[in-house]
PDB file of N, CA and C in Angstrom:
ATOM      1  N   MET A   1       0.811  -1.191   0.000  1.00  0.00           N
ATOM      2  CA  MET A   1       0.000   0.000   0.000  1.00  0.00           C
ATOM      3  C   MET A   1       0.857   1.259   0.000  1.00  0.00           C
ATOM      4  N   PHE A   2       1.736   1.391   0.996  1.00  0.00           N
ATOM      5  CA  PHE A   2       2.661   2.516   1.071  1.00  0.00           C
ATOM      6  C   PHE A   2       4.068   1.965   1.152  1.00  0.00           C
ATOM      7  N   GLU A   3       5.015   2.700   0.631  1.00  0.00           N
ATOM      8  CA  GLU A   3       6.414   2.294   0.726  1.00  0.00           C
ATOM      9  C   GLU A   3       7.045   3.003   1.911  1.00  0.00           C
ATOM     10  N   PHE A   4       7.799   2.270   2.690  1.00  0.00           N
ATOM     11  CA  PHE A   4       8.427   2.808   3.897  1.00  0.00           C
ATOM     12  C   PHE A   4       9.832   2.243   3.976  1.00  0.00           C
ATOM     13  N   GLN A   5      10.830   3.009   3.509  1.00  0.00           N
ATOM     14  CA  GLN A   5      12.205   2.530   3.515  1.00  0.00           C
ATOM     15  C   GLN A   5      13.143   3.639   3.973  1.00  0.00           C
ATOM     16  N   PRO A   6      13.135   3.941   5.273  1.00  0.00           N
ATOM     17  CA  PRO A   6      14.026   4.994   5.767  1.00  0.00           C
ATOM     18  C   PRO A   6      15.482   4.565   5.710  1.00  0.00           C
ATOM     19  N   GLU A   7      16.374   5.552   5.537  1.00  0.00           N
ATOM     20  CA  GLU A   7      17.798   5.251   5.432  1.00  0.00           C
ATOM     21  C   GLU A   7      18.493   5.218   6.785  1.00  0.00           C
ATOM     22  N   HIS A   8      17.993   5.925   7.767  1.00  0.00           N
ATOM     23  CA  HIS A   8      18.585   5.897   9.101  1.00  0.00           C
ATOM     24  C   HIS A   8      17.531   6.261  10.139  1.00  0.00           C
ATOM     25  N   LYS A   9      17.885   6.190  11.430  1.00  0.00           N
ATOM     26  CA  LYS A   9      16.937   6.364  12.527  1.00  0.00           C
ATOM     27  C   LYS A   9      16.143   7.664  12.458  1.00  0.00           C
ATOM     28  N   LYS A  10      16.815   8.781  12.189  1.00  0.00           N
ATOM     29  CA  LYS A  10      16.121  10.065  12.143  1.00  0.00           C
ATOM     30  C   LYS A  10      15.061  10.052  11.048  1.00  0.00           C
ATOM     31  N   SER A  11      15.405   9.491   9.907  1.00  0.00           N
ATOM     32  CA  SER A  11      14.431   9.448   8.822  1.00  0.00           C
ATOM     33  C   SER A  11      13.306   8.456   9.121  1.00  0.00           C
ATOM     34  N   GLU A  12      13.561   7.461   9.974  1.00  0.00           N
ATOM     35  CA  GLU A  12      12.497   6.541  10.383  1.00  0.00           C
ATOM     36  C   GLU A  12      11.395   7.291  11.097  1.00  0.00           C
ATOM     37  N   THR A  13      11.774   8.189  11.998  1.00  0.00           N
ATOM     38  CA  THR A  13      10.793   8.963  12.745  1.00  0.00           C
ATOM     39  C   THR A  13       9.984   9.848  11.809  1.00  0.00           C
ATOM     40  N   VAL A  14      10.655  10.534  10.911  1.00  0.00           N
ATOM     41  CA  VAL A  14       9.977  11.411   9.952  1.00  0.00           C
ATOM     42  C   VAL A  14       9.077  10.586   9.039  1.00  0.00           C
ATOM     43  N   ALA A  15       9.582   9.463   8.537  1.00  0.00           N
ATOM     44  CA  ALA A  15       8.798   8.609   7.644  1.00  0.00           C
ATOM     45  C   ALA A  15       7.574   8.050   8.358  1.00  0.00           C
ATOM     46  N   ALA A  16       7.731   7.629   9.613  1.00  0.00           N
ATOM     47  CA  ALA A  16       6.602   7.104  10.384  1.00  0.00           C
ATOM     48  C   ALA A  16       5.556   8.190  10.603  1.00  0.00           C
ATOM     49  N   ARG A  17       6.000   9.388  10.929  1.00  0.00           N
ATOM     50  CA  ARG A  17       5.071  10.502  11.126  1.00  0.00           C
ATOM     51  C   ARG A  17       4.328  10.812   9.818  1.00  0.00           C
ATOM     52  N   ASN A  18       5.049  10.834   8.709  1.00  0.00           N
ATOM     53  CA  ASN A  18       4.418  11.092   7.408  1.00  0.00           C
ATOM     54  C   ASN A  18       3.403  10.009   7.055  1.00  0.00           C
ATOM     55  N   LEU A  19       3.757   8.755   7.334  1.00  0.00           N
ATOM     56  CA  LEU A  19       2.829   7.657   7.079  1.00  0.00           C
ATOM     57  C   LEU A  19       1.581   7.820   7.935  1.00  0.00           C
ATOM     58  N   GLY A  20       1.766   8.180   9.204  1.00  0.00           N
ATOM     59  CA  GLY A  20       0.623   8.406  10.089  1.00  0.00           C
ATOM     60  C   GLY A  20      -0.308   9.472   9.547  1.00  0.00           C
ATOM     61  N   GLU A  21       0.260  10.536   9.009  1.00  0.00           N
ATOM     62  CA  GLU A  21      -0.550  11.609   8.422  1.00  0.00           C
ATOM     63  C   GLU A  21      -1.296  11.124   7.183  1.00  0.00           C
ATOM     64  N   LYS A  22      -0.650  10.293   6.361  1.00  0.00           N
ATOM     65  CA  LYS A  22      -1.313   9.741   5.174  1.00  0.00           C
ATOM     66  C   LYS A  22      -2.478   8.843   5.579  1.00  0.00           C
ATOM     67  N   ILE A  23      -2.253   8.009   6.589  1.00  0.00           N
ATOM     68  CA  ILE A  23      -3.312   7.118   7.068  1.00  0.00           C
ATOM     69  C   ILE A  23      -4.463   7.941   7.622  1.00  0.00           C
ATOM     70  N   ALA A  24      -4.156   8.983   8.387  1.00  0.00           N
ATOM     71  CA  ALA A  24      -5.200   9.848   8.942  1.00  0.00           C
ATOM     72  C   ALA A  24      -6.044  10.455   7.825  1.00  0.00           C
ATOM     73  N   LYS A  25      -5.407  10.917   6.765  1.00  0.00           N
ATOM     74  CA  LYS A  25      -6.143  11.501   5.633  1.00  0.00           C
ATOM     75  C   LYS A  25      -6.999  10.451   4.931  1.00  0.00           C
ATOM     76  N   MET A  26      -6.471   9.222   4.828  1.00  0.00           N
ATOM     77  CA  MET A  26      -7.225   8.141   4.185  1.00  0.00           C
ATOM     78  C   MET A  26      -8.527   7.856   4.917  1.00  0.00           C
ATOM     79  N   TYR A  27      -8.498   7.987   6.252  1.00  0.00           N
ATOM     80  CA  TYR A  27      -9.628   7.567   7.070  1.00  0.00           C
ATOM     81  C   TYR A  27     -10.309   8.715   7.800  1.00  0.00           C
ATOM     82  N   GLY A  28     -10.353   9.873   7.203  1.00  0.00           N
ATOM     83  CA  GLY A  28     -11.141  10.931   7.800  1.00  0.00           C
ATOM     84  C   GLY A  28     -10.408  12.214   8.064  1.00  0.00           C
ATOM     85  N   GLY A  29      -9.131  12.145   8.336  1.00  0.00           N
ATOM     86  CA  GLY A  29      -8.310  13.336   8.448  1.00  0.00           C
ATOM     87  C   GLY A  29      -8.345  14.091   9.748  1.00  0.00           C
ATOM     88  N   ASN A  30      -9.487  14.192  10.389  1.00  0.00           N
ATOM     89  CA  ASN A  30      -9.570  15.002  11.602  1.00  0.00           C
ATOM     90  C   ASN A  30      -9.402  14.152  12.852  1.00  0.00           C
ATOM     91  N   PRO A  31      -8.486  14.559  13.730  1.00  0.00           N
ATOM     92  CA  PRO A  31      -8.290  13.817  14.973  1.00  0.00           C
ATOM     93  C   PRO A  31      -9.513  13.942  15.882  1.00  0.00           C
ATOM     94  N   PRO A  32      -9.765  13.001  16.746  1.00  0.00           N
ATOM     95  CA  PRO A  32      -9.008  11.751  16.851  1.00  0.00           C
ATOM     96  C   PRO A  32      -9.481  10.742  15.803  1.00  0.00           C
ATOM     97  N   ILE A  33      -8.544  10.080  15.182  1.00  0.00           N
ATOM     98  CA  ILE A  33      -8.851   9.036  14.209  1.00  0.00           C
ATOM     99  C   ILE A  33      -9.398   7.828  14.973  1.00  0.00           C
ATOM    100  N   GLN A  34     -10.434   7.221  14.455  1.00  0.00           N
ATOM    101  CA  GLN A  34     -11.079   6.082  15.116  1.00  0.00           C
ATOM    102  C   GLN A  34     -10.344   4.785  14.751  1.00  0.00           C
ATOM    103  N   VAL A  35      -9.176   4.621  15.346  1.00  0.00           N
ATOM    104  CA  VAL A  35      -8.278   3.512  15.005  1.00  0.00           C
ATOM    105  C   VAL A  35      -8.958   2.160  15.181  1.00  0.00           C
ATOM    106  N   LYS A  36      -9.620   1.974  16.299  1.00  0.00           N
ATOM    107  CA  LYS A  36     -10.263   0.692  16.592  1.00  0.00           C
ATOM    108  C   LYS A  36     -11.309   0.351  15.528  1.00  0.00           C
ATOM    109  N   GLU A  37     -12.116   1.331  15.153  1.00  0.00           N
ATOM    110  CA  GLU A  37     -13.156   1.108  14.155  1.00  0.00           C
ATOM    111  C   GLU A  37     -12.559   0.815  12.776  1.00  0.00           C
ATOM    112  N   ILE A  38     -11.456   1.464  12.444  1.00  0.00           N
ATOM    113  CA  ILE A  38     -10.796   1.208  11.156  1.00  0.00           C
ATOM    114  C   ILE A  38     -10.311  -0.236  11.098  1.00  0.00           C
ATOM    115  N   ILE A  39      -9.668  -0.677  12.172  1.00  0.00           N
ATOM    116  CA  ILE A  39      -9.132  -2.046  12.208  1.00  0.00           C
ATOM    117  C   ILE A  39     -10.252  -3.073  12.113  1.00  0.00           C
ATOM    118  N   THR A  40     -11.333  -2.856  12.869  1.00  0.00           N
ATOM    119  CA  THR A  40     -12.404  -3.856  12.894  1.00  0.00           C
ATOM    120  C   THR A  40     -13.274  -3.825  11.645  1.00  0.00           C
ATOM    121  N   SER A  41     -13.575  -2.633  11.116  1.00  0.00           N
ATOM    122  CA  SER A  41     -14.487  -2.582   9.972  1.00  0.00           C
ATOM    123  C   SER A  41     -13.767  -2.692   8.627  1.00  0.00           C
ATOM    124  N   LYS A  42     -12.679  -1.991   8.453  1.00  0.00           N
ATOM    125  CA  LYS A  42     -11.970  -1.996   7.163  1.00  0.00           C
ATOM    126  C   LYS A  42     -11.193  -3.297   6.948  1.00  0.00           C
ATOM    127  N   TYR A  43     -10.572  -3.802   8.011  1.00  0.00           N
ATOM    128  CA  TYR A  43      -9.713  -4.982   7.876  1.00  0.00           C
ATOM    129  C   TYR A  43     -10.308  -6.247   8.497  1.00  0.00           C
ATOM    130  N   GLN A  44     -11.512  -6.150   9.063  1.00  0.00           N
ATOM    131  CA  GLN A  44     -12.207  -7.286   9.683  1.00  0.00           C
ATOM    132  C   GLN A  44     -11.325  -8.048  10.674  1.00  0.00           C
ATOM    133  N   ILE A  45     -10.617  -7.297  11.500  1.00  0.00           N
ATOM    134  CA  ILE A  45      -9.766  -7.889  12.526  1.00  0.00           C
ATOM    135  C   ILE A  45     -10.416  -7.631  13.874  1.00  0.00           C
ATOM    136  N   GLU A  46     -10.565  -8.695  14.656  1.00  0.00           N
ATOM    137  CA  GLU A  46     -11.161  -8.569  15.983  1.00  0.00           C
ATOM    138  C   GLU A  46     -10.111  -8.064  16.970  1.00  0.00           C
ATOM    139  N   ILE A  47     -10.523  -7.146  17.822  1.00  0.00           N
ATOM    140  CA  ILE A  47      -9.642  -6.629  18.869  1.00  0.00           C
ATOM    141  C   ILE A  47     -10.133  -7.187  20.195  1.00  0.00           C
ATOM    142  N   ILE A  48      -9.233  -7.866  20.890  1.00  0.00           N
ATOM    143  CA  ILE A  48      -9.560  -8.497  22.166  1.00  0.00           C
ATOM    144  C   ILE A  48      -8.671  -7.888  23.237  1.00  0.00           C
ATOM    145  N   GLU A  49      -9.293  -7.397  24.305  1.00  0.00           N
ATOM    146  CA  GLU A  49      -8.520  -6.868  25.425  1.00  0.00           C
ATOM    147  C   GLU A  49      -8.430  -7.941  26.495  1.00  0.00           C
ATOM    148  N   LEU A  50      -7.207  -8.248  26.907  1.00  0.00           N
ATOM    149  CA  LEU A  50      -7.003  -9.196  27.994  1.00  0.00           C
ATOM    150  C   LEU A  50      -5.721  -8.871  28.725  1.00  0.00           C
ATOM    151  N   GLU A  51      -5.632  -9.397  29.921  1.00  0.00           N
ATOM    152  CA  GLU A  51      -4.458  -9.118  30.748  1.00  0.00           C
ATOM    153  C   GLU A  51      -3.284  -9.961  30.257  1.00  0.00           C
ATOM    154  N   LEU A  52      -2.245  -9.257  29.812  1.00  0.00           N
ATOM    155  CA  LEU A  52      -1.026  -9.904  29.333  1.00  0.00           C
ATOM    156  C   LEU A  52       0.126  -9.531  30.253  1.00  0.00           C
ATOM    157  N   ASP A  53       1.247 -10.187  30.077  1.00  0.00           N
ATOM    158  CA  ASP A  53       2.458  -9.815  30.795  1.00  0.00           C
ATOM    159  C   ASP A  53       2.697  -8.317  30.591  1.00  0.00           C
ATOM    160  N   PRO A  54       3.098  -7.592  31.637  1.00  0.00           N
ATOM    161  CA  PRO A  54       3.301  -6.141  31.511  1.00  0.00           C
ATOM    162  C   PRO A  54       4.293  -5.728  30.423  1.00  0.00           C
ATOM    163  N   SER A  55       5.174  -6.623  30.024  1.00  0.00           N
ATOM    164  CA  SER A  55       6.153  -6.284  28.984  1.00  0.00           C
ATOM    165  C   SER A  55       5.578  -6.402  27.566  1.00  0.00           C
ATOM    166  N   ILE A  56       4.343  -6.887  27.448  1.00  0.00           N
ATOM    167  CA  ILE A  56       3.726  -7.093  26.136  1.00  0.00           C
ATOM    168  C   ILE A  56       2.575  -6.113  25.960  1.00  0.00           C
ATOM    169  N   SER A  57       2.635  -5.329  24.888  1.00  0.00           N
ATOM    170  CA  SER A  57       1.551  -4.392  24.579  1.00  0.00           C
ATOM    171  C   SER A  57       0.456  -5.062  23.759  1.00  0.00           C
ATOM    172  N   ALA A  58       0.854  -5.936  22.835  1.00  0.00           N
ATOM    173  CA  ALA A  58      -0.122  -6.596  21.971  1.00  0.00           C
ATOM    174  C   ALA A  58       0.459  -7.873  21.398  1.00  0.00           C
ATOM    175  N   ILE A  59      -0.440  -8.766  21.039  1.00  0.00           N
ATOM    176  CA  ILE A  59      -0.083  -9.976  20.303  1.00  0.00           C
ATOM    177  C   ILE A  59      -0.989 -10.002  19.081  1.00  0.00           C
ATOM    178  N   VAL A  60      -0.390 -10.185  17.930  1.00  0.00           N
ATOM    179  CA  VAL A  60      -1.151 -10.205  16.685  1.00  0.00           C
ATOM    180  C   VAL A  60      -1.181 -11.636  16.166  1.00  0.00           C
ATOM    181  N   ASP A  61      -2.380 -12.162  15.965  1.00  0.00           N
ATOM    182  CA  ASP A  61      -2.555 -13.485  15.379  1.00  0.00           C
ATOM    183  C   ASP A  61      -3.279 -13.289  14.050  1.00  0.00           C
ATOM    184  N   LEU A  62      -2.509 -13.246  12.990  1.00  0.00           N
ATOM    185  CA  LEU A  62      -3.085 -12.949  11.683  1.00  0.00           C
ATOM    186  C   LEU A  62      -3.839 -14.124  11.085  1.00  0.00           C
ATOM    187  N   ASP A  63      -3.522 -15.341  11.526  1.00  0.00           N
ATOM    188  CA  ASP A  63      -4.258 -16.500  11.030  1.00  0.00           C
ATOM    189  C   ASP A  63      -5.724 -16.425  11.448  1.00  0.00           C
ATOM    190  N   SER A  64      -5.967 -16.004  12.677  1.00  0.00           N
ATOM    191  CA  SER A  64      -7.346 -15.892  13.148  1.00  0.00           C
ATOM    192  C   SER A  64      -7.862 -14.458  13.100  1.00  0.00           C
ATOM    193  N   LYS A  65      -7.065 -13.544  12.530  1.00  0.00           N
ATOM    194  CA  LYS A  65      -7.437 -12.133  12.378  1.00  0.00           C
ATOM    195  C   LYS A  65      -7.833 -11.515  13.723  1.00  0.00           C
ATOM    196  N   GLU A  66      -6.898 -11.590  14.669  1.00  0.00           N
ATOM    197  CA  GLU A  66      -7.118 -11.028  16.000  1.00  0.00           C
ATOM    198  C   GLU A  66      -5.914 -10.204  16.439  1.00  0.00           C
ATOM    199  N   ILE A  67      -6.210  -9.122  17.125  1.00  0.00           N
ATOM    200  CA  ILE A  67      -5.192  -8.365  17.842  1.00  0.00           C
ATOM    201  C   ILE A  67      -5.598  -8.412  19.297  1.00  0.00           C
ATOM    202  N   MET A  68      -4.730  -8.963  20.120  1.00  0.00           N
ATOM    203  CA  MET A  68      -4.969  -9.008  21.558  1.00  0.00           C
ATOM    204  C   MET A  68      -4.144  -7.903  22.193  1.00  0.00           C
ATOM    205  N   ILE A  69      -4.815  -6.932  22.810  1.00  0.00           N
ATOM    206  CA  ILE A  69      -4.073  -5.853  23.439  1.00  0.00           C
ATOM    207  C   ILE A  69      -4.158  -5.994  24.950  1.00  0.00           C
ATOM    208  N   ASN A  70      -3.107  -5.552  25.603  1.00  0.00           N
ATOM    209  CA  ASN A  70      -2.981  -5.672  27.046  1.00  0.00           C
ATOM    210  C   ASN A  70      -3.968  -4.738  27.733  1.00  0.00           C
ATOM    211  N   SER A  71      -4.905  -5.313  28.473  1.00  0.00           N
ATOM    212  CA  SER A  71      -5.933  -4.521  29.154  1.00  0.00           C
ATOM    213  C   SER A  71      -5.384  -3.746  30.342  1.00  0.00           C
ATOM    214  N   THR A  72      -4.156  -4.060  30.766  1.00  0.00           N
ATOM    215  CA  THR A  72      -3.587  -3.353  31.920  1.00  0.00           C
ATOM    216  C   THR A  72      -2.917  -2.043  31.530  1.00  0.00           C
ATOM    217  N   GLN A  73      -2.735  -1.802  30.230  1.00  0.00           N
ATOM    218  CA  GLN A  73      -2.147  -0.530  29.808  1.00  0.00           C
ATOM    219  C   GLN A  73      -3.252   0.523  29.771  1.00  0.00           C
ATOM    220  N   GLY A  74      -2.889   1.752  29.904  1.00  0.00           N
ATOM    221  CA  GLY A  74      -3.860   2.837  29.899  1.00  0.00           C
ATOM    222  C   GLY A  74      -4.510   3.036  28.538  1.00  0.00           C
ATOM    223  N   HIS A  75      -5.560   3.844  28.519  1.00  0.00           N
ATOM    224  CA  HIS A  75      -6.304   4.110  27.288  1.00  0.00           C
ATOM    225  C   HIS A  75      -5.406   4.690  26.195  1.00  0.00           C
ATOM    226  N   GLN A  76      -4.592   5.688  26.543  1.00  0.00           N
ATOM    227  CA  GLN A  76      -3.722   6.316  25.538  1.00  0.00           C
ATOM    228  C   GLN A  76      -2.711   5.320  24.977  1.00  0.00           C
ATOM    229  N   ARG A  77      -2.139   4.503  25.851  1.00  0.00           N
ATOM    230  CA  ARG A  77      -1.181   3.497  25.383  1.00  0.00           C
ATOM    231  C   ARG A  77      -1.881   2.476  24.487  1.00  0.00           C
ATOM    232  N   GLY A  78      -3.106   2.123  24.840  1.00  0.00           N
ATOM    233  CA  GLY A  78      -3.879   1.193  24.018  1.00  0.00           C
ATOM    234  C   GLY A  78      -4.133   1.749  22.625  1.00  0.00           C
ATOM    235  N   ARG A  79      -4.483   3.049  22.549  1.00  0.00           N
ATOM    236  CA  ARG A  79      -4.680   3.697  21.239  1.00  0.00           C
ATOM    237  C   ARG A  79      -3.382   3.708  20.441  1.00  0.00           C
ATOM    238  N   PHE A  80      -2.275   4.018  21.127  1.00  0.00           N
ATOM    239  CA  PHE A  80      -0.976   4.018  20.453  1.00  0.00           C
ATOM    240  C   PHE A  80      -0.666   2.623  19.901  1.00  0.00           C
ATOM    241  N   THR A  81      -0.901   1.602  20.715  1.00  0.00           N
ATOM    242  CA  THR A  81      -0.629   0.223  20.299  1.00  0.00           C
ATOM    243  C   THR A  81      -1.453  -0.140  19.069  1.00  0.00           C
ATOM    244  N   LEU A  82      -2.735   0.199  19.083  1.00  0.00           N
ATOM    245  CA  LEU A  82      -3.586  -0.103  17.929  1.00  0.00           C
ATOM    246  C   LEU A  82      -3.152   0.680  16.693  1.00  0.00           C
ATOM    247  N   ALA A  83      -2.760   1.937  16.879  1.00  0.00           N
ATOM    248  CA  ALA A  83      -2.272   2.736  15.749  1.00  0.00           C
ATOM    249  C   ALA A  83      -0.992   2.127  15.183  1.00  0.00           C
ATOM    250  N   HIS A  84      -0.132   1.658  16.072  1.00  0.00           N
ATOM    251  CA  HIS A  84       1.113   0.998  15.659  1.00  0.00           C
ATOM    252  C   HIS A  84       0.795  -0.234  14.804  1.00  0.00           C
ATOM    253  N   GLU A  85      -0.145  -1.044  15.284  1.00  0.00           N
ATOM    254  CA  GLU A  85      -0.519  -2.251  14.544  1.00  0.00           C
ATOM    255  C   GLU A  85      -1.183  -1.892  13.220  1.00  0.00           C
ATOM    256  N   LEU A  86      -1.995  -0.827  13.194  1.00  0.00           N
ATOM    257  CA  LEU A  86      -2.607  -0.380  11.947  1.00  0.00           C
ATOM    258  C   LEU A  86      -1.529   0.000  10.936  1.00  0.00           C
ATOM    259  N   GLY A  87      -0.478   0.644  11.400  1.00  0.00           N
ATOM    260  CA  GLY A  87       0.635   0.977  10.509  1.00  0.00           C
ATOM    261  C   GLY A  87       1.226  -0.264   9.871  1.00  0.00           C
ATOM    262  N   HIS A  88       1.419  -1.316  10.666  1.00  0.00           N
ATOM    263  CA  HIS A  88       1.934  -2.576  10.114  1.00  0.00           C
ATOM    264  C   HIS A  88       0.958  -3.169   9.096  1.00  0.00           C
ATOM    265  N   ILE A  89      -0.330  -3.088   9.402  1.00  0.00           N
ATOM    266  CA  ILE A  89      -1.335  -3.631   8.490  1.00  0.00           C
ATOM    267  C   ILE A  89      -1.308  -2.874   7.167  1.00  0.00           C
ATOM    268  N   VAL A  90      -1.316  -1.545   7.234  1.00  0.00           N
ATOM    269  CA  VAL A  90      -1.318  -0.725   6.020  1.00  0.00           C
ATOM    270  C   VAL A  90      -0.053  -0.958   5.203  1.00  0.00           C
ATOM    271  N   LEU A  91       1.076  -1.123   5.888  1.00  0.00           N
ATOM    272  CA  LEU A  91       2.343  -1.366   5.196  1.00  0.00           C
ATOM    273  C   LEU A  91       2.484  -2.811   4.730  1.00  0.00           C
ATOM    274  N   ASN A  92       1.540  -3.660   5.137  1.00  0.00           N
ATOM    275  CA  ASN A  92       1.545  -5.064   4.755  1.00  0.00           C
ATOM    276  C   ASN A  92       2.765  -5.791   5.315  1.00  0.00           C
ATOM    277  N   HIS A  93       3.189  -5.431   6.506  1.00  0.00           N
ATOM    278  CA  HIS A  93       4.337  -6.073   7.162  1.00  0.00           C
ATOM    279  C   HIS A  93       3.944  -7.450   7.665  1.00  0.00           C
ATOM    280  N   GLY A  94       4.213  -8.444   6.879  1.00  0.00           N
ATOM    281  CA  GLY A  94       3.926  -9.806   7.305  1.00  0.00           C
ATOM    282  C   GLY A  94       2.459 -10.149   7.290  1.00  0.00           C
ATOM    283  N   TYR A  95       1.614  -9.205   6.923  1.00  0.00           N
ATOM    284  CA  TYR A  95       0.176  -9.437   6.977  1.00  0.00           C
ATOM    285  C   TYR A  95      -0.257 -10.505   5.987  1.00  0.00           C
ATOM    286  N   ALA A  96       0.257 -10.441   4.783  1.00  0.00           N
ATOM    287  CA  ALA A  96      -0.126 -11.409   3.757  1.00  0.00           C
ATOM    288  C   ALA A  96       0.437 -12.791   4.048  1.00  0.00           C
ATOM    289  N   SER A  97       1.559 -12.841   4.754  1.00  0.00           N
ATOM    290  CA  SER A  97       2.193 -14.131   5.013  1.00  0.00           C
ATOM    291  C   SER A  97       1.514 -14.897   6.135  1.00  0.00           C
ATOM    292  N   GLY A  98       0.688 -14.211   6.933  1.00  0.00           N
ATOM    293  CA  GLY A  98      -0.009 -14.874   8.020  1.00  0.00           C
ATOM    294  C   GLY A  98       0.871 -15.209   9.203  1.00  0.00           C
ATOM    295  N   ARG A  99       2.016 -14.537   9.338  1.00  0.00           N
ATOM    296  CA  ARG A  99       2.889 -14.787  10.484  1.00  0.00           C
ATOM    297  C   ARG A  99       2.229 -14.290  11.761  1.00  0.00           C
ATOM    298  N   ASN A 100       2.494 -14.970  12.862  1.00  0.00           N
ATOM    299  CA  ASN A 100       2.077 -14.501  14.179  1.00  0.00           C
ATOM    300  C   ASN A 100       3.221 -13.692  14.746  1.00  0.00           C
ATOM    301  N   THR A 101       2.967 -12.428  15.015  1.00  0.00           N
ATOM    302  CA  THR A 101       4.042 -11.539  15.423  1.00  0.00           C
ATOM    303  C   THR A 101       3.662 -10.764  16.665  1.00  0.00           C
ATOM    304  N   PRO A 102       4.296 -11.035  17.817  1.00  0.00           N
ATOM    305  CA  PRO A 102       4.047 -10.172  18.971  1.00  0.00           C
ATOM    306  C   PRO A 102       4.780  -8.850  18.786  1.00  0.00           C
ATOM    307  N   HIS A 103       4.118  -7.760  19.105  1.00  0.00           N
ATOM    308  CA  HIS A 103       4.729  -6.431  19.040  1.00  0.00           C
ATOM    309  C   HIS A 103       4.717  -5.835  20.428  1.00  0.00           C
ATOM    310  N   MET A 104       5.862  -5.324  20.846  1.00  0.00           N
ATOM    311  CA  MET A 104       5.956  -4.740  22.177  1.00  0.00           C
ATOM    312  C   MET A 104       6.175  -3.263  22.068  1.00  0.00           C
TER     313      MET A 104
END
């Protein structure tokens, strides 16, 4: 969908921010972007909140189309985690391959 190939760390931050802005424009443009609704309706991925180890923010199971997010993290962290996972989905990072990838 989008190409993301930064050359070094500083450009990674800029590229990630630019990608976030592109995604925001794709799905409405005005904050706050409804990340949870985009994931569930556009990509038909179920979001499950459950208590995970504190070191884990989310577990993605692409075979069963589920994102399990840690219910012990705060609301803002949960939104960040879902936005992070949406970025991976939009970039097609392992999504087509069906890999199970925990993201921390």
